[in-house]
Amino acid sequence: MSSLEQIDERIARIMSKIEALRDRDFSITCGKWPVEWKPPVREDAVTNFEKAKNIRLPEDYRRFITTIASAGTQPFYGLMRFNEGEGIAPEKPFPYTLDHILYFLYMTDEEMDEFYGDDDDEDTPASACDDGLLPLCDEGCGMQSVLVVNSGDPDTYGTVWYFDLANDCGIIPMYDEKTGKPFHFLDWLEYWADRTAGLGDDEYFGYAETAKLPPPPDNPNIMGRKMGWIKE
């Protein structure tokens, strides 16, 4: 079986899981429920986008949007179209890797100042946070899932991250608790289907539960320790 055939087989399994949820009556759904999907993207439209941005979309994501749906009303506030999102720059490399993440509670005051820079400084680490990625969905309150589509690190390329700068959290990779491996697009979508299937009608979950943090740095001056939220 070819790699595309394996992807197609997995997509079919995931879509069957989602379809099996159609008659569930959830009180909290964010976007429209049951899920409605937009028609797939034309292959040439994706190819033109890739050429313009000098990137190649991850194969599992690319296959989904060209054969199943370009967007939809789930997960949460909906799967976003591949060329949506304000301020994103997929043509630029993503500034983080699985071993080098952004988490504000692990930063010192000096590192925070350097991250944001001066008011008139447009070239800061903060300004690069949208580089190399595409937004997948919005959970509300500034919390998003994003897909890395441009990275010099092959282990980071194609992974899905929890993106929350609005609440002073950070940009953190999502991991499968069972396998210990980082999420790729279909992992992310299947986790939502499986997790939703296990919810009660008035229950809710967020992707923050899949965000995996490394041990805190051995520095008493990081913000988490100064605030008393990190004890060890």
C-alpha atoms as a PDB file:
ATOM      1  CA  MET A   1       0.000   0.000   0.000  1.00  0.00           C
ATOM      2  CA  SER A   2       1.396   3.408  -0.977  1.00  0.00           C
ATOM      3  CA  SER A   3       1.768   6.254   1.487  1.00  0.00           C
ATOM      4  CA  LEU A   4      -1.178   8.106  -0.093  1.00  0.00           C
ATOM      5  CA  GLU A   5      -3.316   4.996   0.139  1.00  0.00           C
ATOM      6  CA  GLN A   6      -2.438   4.710   3.813  1.00  0.00           C
ATOM      7  CA  ILE A   7      -3.380   8.354   4.322  1.00  0.00           C
ATOM      8  CA  ASP A   8      -6.672   7.832   2.460  1.00  0.00           C
ATOM      9  CA  GLU A   9      -7.470   4.791   4.574  1.00  0.00           C
ATOM     10  CA  ARG A  10      -6.858   6.706   7.768  1.00  0.00           C
ATOM     11  CA  ILE A  11      -8.886   9.694   6.586  1.00  0.00           C
ATOM     12  CA  ALA A  12     -11.798   7.380   5.838  1.00  0.00           C
ATOM     13  CA  ARG A  13     -11.608   5.938   9.331  1.00  0.00           C
ATOM     14  CA  ILE A  14     -11.546   9.376  10.941  1.00  0.00           C
ATOM     15  CA  MET A  15     -14.454  10.656   8.859  1.00  0.00           C
ATOM     16  CA  SER A  16     -16.459   7.595   9.855  1.00  0.00           C
ATOM     17  CA  LYS A  17     -15.818   8.414  13.496  1.00  0.00           C
ATOM     18  CA  ILE A  18     -16.976  11.987  12.960  1.00  0.00           C
ATOM     19  CA  GLU A  19     -20.060  10.880  11.056  1.00  0.00           C
ATOM     20  CA  ALA A  20     -20.934   8.537  13.939  1.00  0.00           C
ATOM     21  CA  LEU A  21     -21.226  11.617  16.171  1.00  0.00           C
ATOM     22  CA  ARG A  22     -23.803  13.326  13.962  1.00  0.00           C
ATOM     23  CA  ASP A  23     -26.809  12.532  16.148  1.00  0.00           C
ATOM     24  CA  ARG A  24     -25.165  13.510  19.427  1.00  0.00           C
ATOM     25  CA  ASP A  25     -26.717  16.555  21.081  1.00  0.00           C
ATOM     26  CA  PHE A  26     -23.872  18.566  22.617  1.00  0.00           C
ATOM     27  CA  SER A  27     -24.676  21.710  24.587  1.00  0.00           C
ATOM     28  CA  ILE A  28     -21.202  23.165  23.890  1.00  0.00           C
ATOM     29  CA  THR A  29     -20.008  22.956  20.283  1.00  0.00           C
ATOM     30  CA  CYS A  30     -18.539  26.437  19.458  1.00  0.00           C
ATOM     31  CA  GLY A  31     -19.113  26.093  15.703  1.00  0.00           C
ATOM     32  CA  LYS A  32     -22.158  24.672  13.956  1.00  0.00           C
ATOM     33  CA  TRP A  33     -23.093  21.111  14.870  1.00  0.00           C
ATOM     34  CA  PRO A  34     -23.426  18.577  13.262  1.00  0.00           C
ATOM     35  CA  VAL A  35     -20.260  19.444  11.389  1.00  0.00           C
ATOM     36  CA  GLU A  36     -20.604  20.816   7.873  1.00  0.00           C
ATOM     37  CA  TRP A  37     -17.693  20.578   5.436  1.00  0.00           C
ATOM     38  CA  LYS A  38     -16.767  22.907   2.594  1.00  0.00           C
ATOM     39  CA  PRO A  39     -15.813  21.387  -0.778  1.00  0.00           C
ATOM     40  CA  PRO A  40     -12.169  20.363  -1.224  1.00  0.00           C
ATOM     41  CA  VAL A  41      -9.575  22.732  -2.640  1.00  0.00           C
ATOM     42  CA  ARG A  42      -8.557  22.301  -6.265  1.00  0.00           C
ATOM     43  CA  GLU A  43      -5.145  20.702  -6.646  1.00  0.00           C
ATOM     44  CA  ASP A  44      -3.895  23.561  -8.802  1.00  0.00           C
ATOM     45  CA  ALA A  45      -4.917  26.135  -6.180  1.00  0.00           C
ATOM     46  CA  VAL A  46      -2.839  24.344  -3.551  1.00  0.00           C
ATOM     47  CA  THR A  47       0.077  23.960  -5.963  1.00  0.00           C
ATOM     48  CA  ASN A  48      -0.014  27.671  -6.818  1.00  0.00           C
ATOM     49  CA  PHE A  49      -0.086  28.557  -3.123  1.00  0.00           C
ATOM     50  CA  GLU A  50       2.892  26.291  -2.456  1.00  0.00           C
ATOM     51  CA  LYS A  51       4.855  27.808  -5.324  1.00  0.00           C
ATOM     52  CA  ALA A  52       4.065  31.344  -4.197  1.00  0.00           C
ATOM     53  CA  LYS A  53       5.184  30.586  -0.635  1.00  0.00           C
ATOM     54  CA  ASN A  54       8.023  28.237  -1.646  1.00  0.00           C
ATOM     55  CA  ILE A  55       6.737  25.491   0.655  1.00  0.00           C
ATOM     56  CA  ARG A  56       5.195  22.039   0.455  1.00  0.00           C
ATOM     57  CA  LEU A  57       2.177  21.387   2.637  1.00  0.00           C
ATOM     58  CA  PRO A  58       2.419  18.278   4.859  1.00  0.00           C
ATOM     59  CA  GLU A  59       1.079  15.311   2.912  1.00  0.00           C
ATOM     60  CA  ASP A  60      -1.672  14.246   5.339  1.00  0.00           C
ATOM     61  CA  TYR A  61      -3.041  17.793   5.539  1.00  0.00           C
ATOM     62  CA  ARG A  62      -2.646  18.347   1.809  1.00  0.00           C
ATOM     63  CA  ARG A  63      -4.494  15.135   1.022  1.00  0.00           C
ATOM     64  CA  PHE A  64      -7.357  16.025   3.347  1.00  0.00           C
ATOM     65  CA  ILE A  65      -7.975  19.503   1.955  1.00  0.00           C
ATOM     66  CA  THR A  66      -7.751  18.369  -1.686  1.00  0.00           C
ATOM     67  CA  THR A  67      -9.935  15.266  -1.377  1.00  0.00           C
ATOM     68  CA  ILE A  68     -12.281  15.766   1.598  1.00  0.00           C
ATOM     69  CA  ALA A  69     -12.815  19.356   2.751  1.00  0.00           C
ATOM     70  CA  SER A  70     -11.188  22.749   2.482  1.00  0.00           C
ATOM     71  CA  ALA A  71     -12.758  23.870   5.768  1.00  0.00           C
ATOM     72  CA  GLY A  72     -15.553  23.007   8.178  1.00  0.00           C
ATOM     73  CA  THR A  73     -17.605  24.082  11.165  1.00  0.00           C
ATOM     74  CA  GLN A  74     -15.596  21.860  13.547  1.00  0.00           C
ATOM     75  CA  PRO A  75     -13.340  21.319  15.469  1.00  0.00           C
ATOM     76  CA  PHE A  76     -14.305  24.072  17.912  1.00  0.00           C
ATOM     77  CA  TYR A  77     -14.957  27.212  15.814  1.00  0.00           C
ATOM     78  CA  GLY A  78     -14.121  25.333  12.650  1.00  0.00           C
ATOM     79  CA  LEU A  79     -11.324  24.031  10.456  1.00  0.00           C
ATOM     80  CA  MET A  80      -9.886  27.067   8.705  1.00  0.00           C
ATOM     81  CA  ARG A  81      -9.128  27.233   5.002  1.00  0.00           C
ATOM     82  CA  PHE A  82      -5.428  26.818   4.218  1.00  0.00           C
ATOM     83  CA  ASN A  83      -4.951  30.395   3.024  1.00  0.00           C
ATOM     84  CA  GLU A  84      -6.854  32.066   5.873  1.00  0.00           C
ATOM     85  CA  GLY A  85      -5.316  33.793   8.864  1.00  0.00           C
ATOM     86  CA  GLU A  86      -4.139  37.343   9.480  1.00  0.00           C
ATOM     87  CA  GLY A  87      -0.437  38.115   9.750  1.00  0.00           C
ATOM     88  CA  ILE A  88       0.780  34.615   8.954  1.00  0.00           C
ATOM     89  CA  ALA A  89       3.925  34.141   6.865  1.00  0.00           C
ATOM     90  CA  PRO A  90       4.224  30.476   5.862  1.00  0.00           C
ATOM     91  CA  GLU A  91       7.072  31.378   3.517  1.00  0.00           C
ATOM     92  CA  LYS A  92       9.307  32.122   6.529  1.00  0.00           C
ATOM     93  CA  PRO A  93      10.745  29.353   8.748  1.00  0.00           C
ATOM     94  CA  PHE A  94       8.950  28.532  11.982  1.00  0.00           C
ATOM     95  CA  PRO A  95      11.182  29.880  14.800  1.00  0.00           C
ATOM     96  CA  TYR A  96      10.758  26.940  17.220  1.00  0.00           C
ATOM     97  CA  THR A  97      11.432  23.214  17.289  1.00  0.00           C
ATOM     98  CA  LEU A  98      10.148  20.330  19.398  1.00  0.00           C
ATOM     99  CA  ASP A  99      13.175  20.845  21.645  1.00  0.00           C
ATOM    100  CA  HIS A 100      12.979  24.640  21.681  1.00  0.00           C
ATOM    101  CA  ILE A 101       9.522  25.982  22.509  1.00  0.00           C
ATOM    102  CA  LEU A 102       8.027  29.234  23.703  1.00  0.00           C
ATOM    103  CA  TYR A 103       6.550  29.134  27.199  1.00  0.00           C
ATOM    104  CA  PHE A 104       6.294  32.395  29.100  1.00  0.00           C
ATOM    105  CA  LEU A 105       6.503  30.908  32.591  1.00  0.00           C
ATOM    106  CA  TYR A 106       9.935  29.523  31.720  1.00  0.00           C
ATOM    107  CA  MET A 107      11.234  32.971  30.758  1.00  0.00           C
ATOM    108  CA  THR A 108      12.919  35.632  32.894  1.00  0.00           C
ATOM    109  CA  ASP A 109      11.858  39.276  32.891  1.00  0.00           C
ATOM    110  CA  GLU A 110      14.881  40.062  30.724  1.00  0.00           C
ATOM    111  CA  GLU A 111      13.943  37.374  28.224  1.00  0.00           C
ATOM    112  CA  MET A 112      10.398  38.710  28.101  1.00  0.00           C
ATOM    113  CA  ASP A 113      11.684  42.223  27.407  1.00  0.00           C
ATOM    114  CA  GLU A 114      13.883  40.877  24.621  1.00  0.00           C
ATOM    115  CA  PHE A 115      10.995  38.870  23.197  1.00  0.00           C
ATOM    116  CA  TYR A 116       8.679  41.876  22.869  1.00  0.00           C
ATOM    117  CA  GLY A 117      11.338  44.550  22.324  1.00  0.00           C
ATOM    118  CA  ASP A 118      10.693  48.275  22.348  1.00  0.00           C
ATOM    119  CA  ASP A 119       7.436  49.807  21.174  1.00  0.00           C
ATOM    120  CA  ASP A 120       9.063  51.028  17.934  1.00  0.00           C
ATOM    121  CA  ASP A 121      10.948  47.785  17.244  1.00  0.00           C
ATOM    122  CA  GLU A 122       9.165  45.773  14.566  1.00  0.00           C
ATOM    123  CA  ASP A 123      11.865  43.087  14.270  1.00  0.00           C
ATOM    124  CA  THR A 124      11.471  41.074  17.474  1.00  0.00           C
ATOM    125  CA  PRO A 125      11.057  37.381  18.337  1.00  0.00           C
ATOM    126  CA  ALA A 126       7.388  38.155  18.964  1.00  0.00           C
ATOM    127  CA  SER A 127       6.962  39.400  15.402  1.00  0.00           C
ATOM    128  CA  ALA A 128       8.133  36.022  14.065  1.00  0.00           C
ATOM    129  CA  CYS A 129       5.637  33.897  16.001  1.00  0.00           C
ATOM    130  CA  ASP A 130       3.320  33.557  13.002  1.00  0.00           C
ATOM    131  CA  ASP A 131       6.112  32.488  10.654  1.00  0.00           C
ATOM    132  CA  GLY A 132       6.105  29.066   9.053  1.00  0.00           C
ATOM    133  CA  LEU A 133       2.644  27.978  10.109  1.00  0.00           C
ATOM    134  CA  LEU A 134      -1.000  27.793   9.110  1.00  0.00           C
ATOM    135  CA  PRO A 135      -3.861  28.135  11.617  1.00  0.00           C
ATOM    136  CA  LEU A 136      -6.067  25.046  11.852  1.00  0.00           C
ATOM    137  CA  CYS A 137      -8.796  26.157  14.234  1.00  0.00           C
ATOM    138  CA  ASP A 138      -9.671  28.659  16.930  1.00  0.00           C
ATOM    139  CA  GLU A 139     -10.971  27.519  20.330  1.00  0.00           C
ATOM    140  CA  GLY A 140     -11.868  31.072  21.356  1.00  0.00           C
ATOM    141  CA  CYS A 141     -10.150  33.492  23.765  1.00  0.00           C
ATOM    142  CA  GLY A 142      -7.020  33.537  21.587  1.00  0.00           C
ATOM    143  CA  MET A 143      -6.320  29.791  21.773  1.00  0.00           C
ATOM    144  CA  GLN A 144      -5.514  28.156  18.448  1.00  0.00           C
ATOM    145  CA  SER A 145      -4.181  24.977  16.896  1.00  0.00           C
ATOM    146  CA  VAL A 146      -1.541  25.663  14.237  1.00  0.00           C
ATOM    147  CA  LEU A 147       0.269  23.489  11.700  1.00  0.00           C
ATOM    148  CA  VAL A 148       3.989  23.912  11.008  1.00  0.00           C
ATOM    149  CA  VAL A 149       4.466  24.049   7.225  1.00  0.00           C
ATOM    150  CA  ASN A 150       7.980  25.501   7.033  1.00  0.00           C
ATOM    151  CA  SER A 151      10.814  24.337   9.262  1.00  0.00           C
ATOM    152  CA  GLY A 152      14.478  23.498   8.857  1.00  0.00           C
ATOM    153  CA  ASP A 153      13.975  20.734  11.399  1.00  0.00           C
ATOM    154  CA  PRO A 154      12.397  17.659   9.775  1.00  0.00           C
ATOM    155  CA  ASP A 155      10.997  16.448  13.119  1.00  0.00           C
ATOM    156  CA  THR A 156       9.151  19.750  13.618  1.00  0.00           C
ATOM    157  CA  TYR A 157       7.807  20.096  10.064  1.00  0.00           C
ATOM    158  CA  GLY A 158       4.205  18.911   9.822  1.00  0.00           C
ATOM    159  CA  THR A 159       3.542  18.935  13.568  1.00  0.00           C
ATOM    160  CA  VAL A 160       0.605  20.646  15.270  1.00  0.00           C
ATOM    161  CA  TRP A 161       1.130  23.148  18.089  1.00  0.00           C
ATOM    162  CA  TYR A 162      -0.991  24.822  20.740  1.00  0.00           C
ATOM    163  CA  PHE A 163      -0.745  28.579  20.102  1.00  0.00           C
ATOM    164  CA  ASP A 164      -1.794  30.927  22.894  1.00  0.00           C
ATOM    165  CA  LEU A 165      -0.065  34.277  23.235  1.00  0.00           C
ATOM    166  CA  ALA A 166      -3.273  36.072  24.204  1.00  0.00           C
ATOM    167  CA  ASN A 167      -3.267  34.453  27.650  1.00  0.00           C
ATOM    168  CA  ASP A 168       0.513  34.629  28.159  1.00  0.00           C
ATOM    169  CA  CYS A 169       0.966  30.908  27.640  1.00  0.00           C
ATOM    170  CA  GLY A 170       3.142  30.336  24.576  1.00  0.00           C
ATOM    171  CA  ILE A 171       3.563  28.075  21.556  1.00  0.00           C
ATOM    172  CA  ILE A 172       3.811  24.436  22.596  1.00  0.00           C
ATOM    173  CA  PRO A 173       3.763  21.183  20.578  1.00  0.00           C
ATOM    174  CA  MET A 174       0.871  18.771  21.029  1.00  0.00           C
ATOM    175  CA  TYR A 175       1.644  15.145  21.847  1.00  0.00           C
ATOM    176  CA  ASP A 176      -0.277  11.888  21.883  1.00  0.00           C
ATOM    177  CA  GLU A 177      -0.237  10.703  25.488  1.00  0.00           C
ATOM    178  CA  LYS A 178      -0.473   7.055  24.435  1.00  0.00           C
ATOM    179  CA  THR A 179       2.286   6.978  21.821  1.00  0.00           C
ATOM    180  CA  GLY A 180       4.445   9.807  23.138  1.00  0.00           C
ATOM    181  CA  LYS A 181       4.706  11.184  19.594  1.00  0.00           C
ATOM    182  CA  PRO A 182       3.915  14.726  18.448  1.00  0.00           C
ATOM    183  CA  PHE A 183       0.639  15.322  16.650  1.00  0.00           C
ATOM    184  CA  HIS A 184       0.524  15.650  12.898  1.00  0.00           C
ATOM    185  CA  PHE A 185      -2.649  16.831  11.180  1.00  0.00           C
ATOM    186  CA  LEU A 186      -4.522  13.535  11.116  1.00  0.00           C
ATOM    187  CA  ASP A 187      -3.450  12.768  14.706  1.00  0.00           C
ATOM    188  CA  TRP A 188      -4.885  16.128  15.707  1.00  0.00           C
ATOM    189  CA  LEU A 189      -8.179  15.543  13.891  1.00  0.00           C
ATOM    190  CA  GLU A 190      -8.587  11.981  15.139  1.00  0.00           C
ATOM    191  CA  TYR A 191      -7.860  13.047  18.712  1.00  0.00           C
ATOM    192  CA  TRP A 192     -10.705  15.554  18.460  1.00  0.00           C
ATOM    193  CA  ALA A 193     -13.062  12.867  17.099  1.00  0.00           C
ATOM    194  CA  ASP A 194     -12.118  10.328  19.782  1.00  0.00           C
ATOM    195  CA  ARG A 195     -12.118  12.850  22.607  1.00  0.00           C
ATOM    196  CA  THR A 196     -15.479  14.261  21.523  1.00  0.00           C
ATOM    197  CA  ALA A 197     -16.961  10.774  21.317  1.00  0.00           C
ATOM    198  CA  GLY A 198     -16.085  10.229  24.974  1.00  0.00           C
ATOM    199  CA  LEU A 199     -17.658  13.468  26.217  1.00  0.00           C
ATOM    200  CA  GLY A 200     -20.955  13.778  27.983  1.00  0.00           C
ATOM    201  CA  ASP A 201     -23.479  16.008  26.237  1.00  0.00           C
ATOM    202  CA  ASP A 202     -22.596  19.000  28.456  1.00  0.00           C
ATOM    203  CA  GLU A 203     -18.837  18.386  28.721  1.00  0.00           C
ATOM    204  CA  TYR A 204     -15.981  20.193  27.003  1.00  0.00           C
ATOM    205  CA  PHE A 205     -12.273  19.798  26.384  1.00  0.00           C
ATOM    206  CA  GLY A 206      -9.449  21.935  25.046  1.00  0.00           C
ATOM    207  CA  TYR A 207      -6.324  21.086  23.091  1.00  0.00           C
ATOM    208  CA  ALA A 208      -4.215  22.575  25.888  1.00  0.00           C
ATOM    209  CA  GLU A 209      -4.423  19.170  27.547  1.00  0.00           C
ATOM    210  CA  THR A 210      -2.197  17.754  24.790  1.00  0.00           C
ATOM    211  CA  ALA A 211       0.488  20.461  25.048  1.00  0.00           C
ATOM    212  CA  LYS A 212       3.688  18.914  26.393  1.00  0.00           C
ATOM    213  CA  LEU A 213       6.189  20.970  28.366  1.00  0.00           C
ATOM    214  CA  PRO A 214       9.832  20.075  28.971  1.00  0.00           C
ATOM    215  CA  PRO A 215      11.121  20.268  32.579  1.00  0.00           C
ATOM    216  CA  PRO A 216      11.517  23.866  33.780  1.00  0.00           C
ATOM    217  CA  PRO A 217      14.970  25.432  33.495  1.00  0.00           C
ATOM    218  CA  ASP A 218      17.111  25.445  36.636  1.00  0.00           C
ATOM    219  CA  ASN A 219      16.773  29.167  37.120  1.00  0.00           C
ATOM    220  CA  PRO A 220      15.125  30.787  40.173  1.00  0.00           C
ATOM    221  CA  ASN A 221      14.367  33.919  38.153  1.00  0.00           C
ATOM    222  CA  ILE A 222      11.974  32.451  35.613  1.00  0.00           C
ATOM    223  CA  MET A 223       8.526  33.980  35.858  1.00  0.00           C
ATOM    224  CA  GLY A 224       6.822  30.772  36.955  1.00  0.00           C
ATOM    225  CA  ARG A 225       9.074  30.449  40.007  1.00  0.00           C
ATOM    226  CA  LYS A 226       8.906  34.144  40.881  1.00  0.00           C
ATOM    227  CA  MET A 227       5.106  33.911  40.803  1.00  0.00           C
ATOM    228  CA  GLY A 228       5.158  30.774  42.923  1.00  0.00           C
ATOM    229  CA  TRP A 229       3.463  28.614  40.273  1.00  0.00           C
ATOM    230  CA  ILE A 230       6.515  26.403  39.731  1.00  0.00           C
ATOM    231  CA  LYS A 231       7.816  24.879  42.949  1.00  0.00           C
ATOM    232  CA  GLU A 232      10.341  22.237  41.963  1.00  0.00           C
END
